[in-house]
């Protein structure tokens, strides 16, 4: 088993008047600078995710129901 560390570079995203510093990997995916959990294909997707952090929507999302 080999472990490959992805190369990430810092980028500045300017979207509709907002400026955010994020990281982009070698595949071109942007990572959320707040939670570092999710990857996004476009700067607009990342910005919508960041807005949901600001509005508190992510905290209030219910987890998927589990079967026992």
N, C-alpha and C. Protein backbone atom coordinates (compact mmCIF):
# COMPACT_ATOMS: atom_id res chain seq x y z
N UNK A 1 0.83 -1.17 0.00
CA UNK A 1 0.00 0.00 0.00
C UNK A 1 0.89 1.24 0.00
N UNK A 2 0.60 2.14 -0.90
CA UNK A 2 1.40 3.36 -0.95
C UNK A 2 0.53 4.55 -0.56
N UNK A 3 1.14 5.47 0.11
CA UNK A 3 0.45 6.68 0.54
C UNK A 3 0.96 7.82 -0.33
N UNK A 4 0.03 8.48 -0.99
CA UNK A 4 0.42 9.59 -1.85
C UNK A 4 -0.11 10.87 -1.27
N UNK A 5 0.75 11.81 -1.02
CA UNK A 5 0.32 13.09 -0.47
C UNK A 5 0.02 14.03 -1.64
N UNK A 6 -1.15 14.62 -1.61
CA UNK A 6 -1.52 15.51 -2.70
C UNK A 6 -0.85 16.86 -2.53
N UNK A 7 -0.48 17.43 -3.65
CA UNK A 7 0.11 18.77 -3.63
C UNK A 7 -1.02 19.78 -3.66
N UNK A 8 -0.98 20.70 -2.74
CA UNK A 8 -2.00 21.74 -2.67
C UNK A 8 -1.32 23.09 -2.79
N UNK A 9 -1.98 23.98 -3.51
CA UNK A 9 -1.46 25.34 -3.61
C UNK A 9 -2.52 26.32 -3.16
N UNK A 10 -2.07 27.38 -2.55
CA UNK A 10 -2.99 28.41 -2.08
C UNK A 10 -3.42 29.26 -3.27
N UNK A 11 -4.72 29.54 -3.33
CA UNK A 11 -5.26 30.41 -4.38
C UNK A 11 -6.17 31.44 -3.74
N UNK A 12 -6.31 32.56 -4.40
CA UNK A 12 -7.24 33.60 -3.94
C UNK A 12 -8.41 33.61 -4.89
N UNK A 13 -9.60 33.42 -4.34
CA UNK A 13 -10.83 33.36 -5.14
C UNK A 13 -11.58 34.67 -4.94
N UNK A 14 -11.90 35.29 -6.04
CA UNK A 14 -12.69 36.51 -6.02
C UNK A 14 -14.01 36.19 -6.71
N UNK A 15 -15.11 36.29 -5.95
CA UNK A 15 -16.42 35.89 -6.49
C UNK A 15 -17.47 36.88 -6.00
N UNK A 16 -18.06 37.59 -6.92
CA UNK A 16 -19.13 38.56 -6.64
C UNK A 16 -18.78 39.51 -5.50
N UNK A 17 -17.57 40.05 -5.52
CA UNK A 17 -17.15 41.03 -4.53
C UNK A 17 -16.54 40.45 -3.27
N UNK A 18 -16.55 39.15 -3.11
CA UNK A 18 -15.95 38.51 -1.94
C UNK A 18 -14.60 37.92 -2.32
N UNK A 19 -13.65 38.03 -1.41
CA UNK A 19 -12.32 37.48 -1.64
C UNK A 19 -12.03 36.45 -0.55
N UNK A 20 -11.66 35.25 -0.98
CA UNK A 20 -11.41 34.14 -0.05
C UNK A 20 -10.11 33.47 -0.45
N UNK A 21 -9.31 33.10 0.54
CA UNK A 21 -8.10 32.33 0.29
C UNK A 21 -8.42 30.87 0.56
N UNK A 22 -8.18 30.02 -0.44
CA UNK A 22 -8.48 28.60 -0.31
C UNK A 22 -7.30 27.80 -0.87
N UNK A 23 -7.42 26.49 -0.82
CA UNK A 23 -6.40 25.61 -1.39
C UNK A 23 -6.98 24.85 -2.56
N UNK A 24 -6.13 24.58 -3.53
CA UNK A 24 -6.53 23.84 -4.72
C UNK A 24 -5.54 22.69 -4.91
N UNK A 25 -6.05 21.49 -5.16
CA UNK A 25 -5.16 20.35 -5.33
C UNK A 25 -4.80 20.16 -6.80
N UNK A 26 -4.01 19.11 -7.07
CA UNK A 26 -3.52 18.90 -8.43
C UNK A 26 -4.64 18.51 -9.41
N UNK A 27 -5.77 18.08 -8.91
CA UNK A 27 -6.90 17.74 -9.78
C UNK A 27 -7.76 18.96 -10.10
N UNK A 28 -7.46 20.09 -9.46
CA UNK A 28 -8.21 21.31 -9.71
C UNK A 28 -9.39 21.50 -8.78
N UNK A 29 -9.46 20.72 -7.70
CA UNK A 29 -10.56 20.83 -6.75
C UNK A 29 -10.21 21.81 -5.64
N UNK A 30 -11.19 22.60 -5.25
CA UNK A 30 -11.01 23.59 -4.18
C UNK A 30 -11.46 22.99 -2.86
N UNK A 31 -10.71 23.23 -1.79
CA UNK A 31 -11.13 22.74 -0.47
C UNK A 31 -11.63 23.91 0.36
N UNK A 32 -12.58 23.62 1.23
CA UNK A 32 -13.17 24.64 2.08
C UNK A 32 -12.14 25.08 3.12
N UNK A 33 -11.85 26.40 3.21
CA UNK A 33 -10.88 26.86 4.19
C UNK A 33 -11.40 26.84 5.62
N UNK A 34 -12.70 26.67 5.80
CA UNK A 34 -13.29 26.67 7.14
C UNK A 34 -13.27 25.27 7.75
N UNK A 35 -13.78 24.29 7.01
CA UNK A 35 -13.90 22.95 7.59
C UNK A 35 -12.92 21.93 7.01
N UNK A 36 -12.34 22.19 5.85
CA UNK A 36 -11.41 21.26 5.17
C UNK A 36 -11.98 19.87 4.99
N UNK A 37 -13.31 19.74 4.92
CA UNK A 37 -13.94 18.44 4.73
C UNK A 37 -14.31 18.17 3.28
N UNK A 38 -14.74 19.21 2.60
CA UNK A 38 -15.35 19.03 1.29
C UNK A 38 -14.51 19.62 0.18
N UNK A 39 -14.64 19.02 -1.01
CA UNK A 39 -13.94 19.50 -2.19
C UNK A 39 -14.97 19.97 -3.21
N UNK A 40 -14.63 21.03 -3.94
CA UNK A 40 -15.57 21.63 -4.88
C UNK A 40 -14.90 21.82 -6.23
N UNK A 41 -15.71 21.67 -7.29
CA UNK A 41 -15.20 21.79 -8.65
C UNK A 41 -15.06 23.25 -9.09
N UNK A 42 -15.91 24.13 -8.59
CA UNK A 42 -15.88 25.51 -9.07
C UNK A 42 -15.83 26.48 -7.89
N UNK A 43 -15.31 27.68 -8.13
CA UNK A 43 -15.29 28.69 -7.08
C UNK A 43 -16.70 29.06 -6.60
N UNK A 44 -17.67 29.04 -7.50
CA UNK A 44 -19.04 29.39 -7.07
C UNK A 44 -19.60 28.34 -6.12
N UNK A 45 -19.31 27.06 -6.35
CA UNK A 45 -19.75 26.02 -5.41
C UNK A 45 -19.11 26.22 -4.04
N UNK A 46 -17.83 26.55 -4.03
CA UNK A 46 -17.13 26.80 -2.77
C UNK A 46 -17.74 27.99 -2.04
N UNK A 47 -18.03 29.06 -2.77
CA UNK A 47 -18.59 30.25 -2.13
C UNK A 47 -19.99 29.99 -1.57
N UNK A 48 -20.81 29.19 -2.26
CA UNK A 48 -22.12 28.83 -1.71
C UNK A 48 -21.96 28.03 -0.42
N UNK A 49 -20.97 27.16 -0.38
CA UNK A 49 -20.70 26.38 0.83
C UNK A 49 -20.25 27.29 1.97
N UNK A 50 -19.39 28.27 1.68
CA UNK A 50 -18.92 29.20 2.70
C UNK A 50 -20.07 30.05 3.23
N UNK A 51 -20.99 30.46 2.35
CA UNK A 51 -22.17 31.21 2.79
C UNK A 51 -23.02 30.36 3.72
N UNK A 52 -23.12 29.07 3.43
CA UNK A 52 -23.91 28.20 4.32
C UNK A 52 -23.24 28.08 5.69
N UNK A 53 -21.90 28.15 5.74
CA UNK A 53 -21.22 28.22 7.04
C UNK A 53 -21.63 29.49 7.78
N UNK A 54 -21.63 30.61 7.06
CA UNK A 54 -21.93 31.90 7.68
C UNK A 54 -23.37 31.96 8.18
N UNK A 55 -24.28 31.36 7.46
CA UNK A 55 -25.69 31.37 7.86
C UNK A 55 -26.00 30.33 8.93
N UNK A 56 -25.07 29.43 9.19
CA UNK A 56 -25.30 28.39 10.20
C UNK A 56 -26.11 27.22 9.69
N UNK A 57 -26.25 27.12 8.39
CA UNK A 57 -27.06 26.04 7.81
C UNK A 57 -26.41 24.68 8.03
N UNK A 58 -25.11 24.63 7.93
CA UNK A 58 -24.40 23.34 8.04
C UNK A 58 -24.55 22.75 9.43
N UNK A 59 -24.59 23.57 10.46
CA UNK A 59 -24.74 23.07 11.82
C UNK A 59 -26.10 22.45 12.05
N UNK A 60 -27.12 22.92 11.33
CA UNK A 60 -28.49 22.49 11.58
C UNK A 60 -28.96 21.37 10.67
N UNK A 61 -28.10 20.85 9.83
CA UNK A 61 -28.48 19.77 8.94
C UNK A 61 -28.57 18.48 9.75
N UNK A 62 -29.69 17.80 9.59
CA UNK A 62 -29.87 16.52 10.30
C UNK A 62 -29.07 15.44 9.60
N UNK A 63 -28.48 14.54 10.36
CA UNK A 63 -27.78 13.42 9.72
C UNK A 63 -28.80 12.45 9.09
N UNK A 64 -28.34 11.68 8.16
CA UNK A 64 -29.21 10.69 7.51
C UNK A 64 -29.65 9.64 8.54
N UNK A 65 -30.89 9.19 8.44
CA UNK A 65 -31.34 8.17 9.39
C UNK A 65 -30.59 6.86 9.20
N UNK A 66 -30.38 6.16 10.30
CA UNK A 66 -29.64 4.89 10.25
C UNK A 66 -30.58 3.75 10.57
N UNK A 67 -30.30 2.66 9.95
CA UNK A 67 -31.05 1.43 10.26
C UNK A 67 -30.29 0.65 11.31
N UNK A 68 -30.99 0.09 12.23
CA UNK A 68 -30.34 -0.65 13.31
C UNK A 68 -30.31 -2.11 13.00
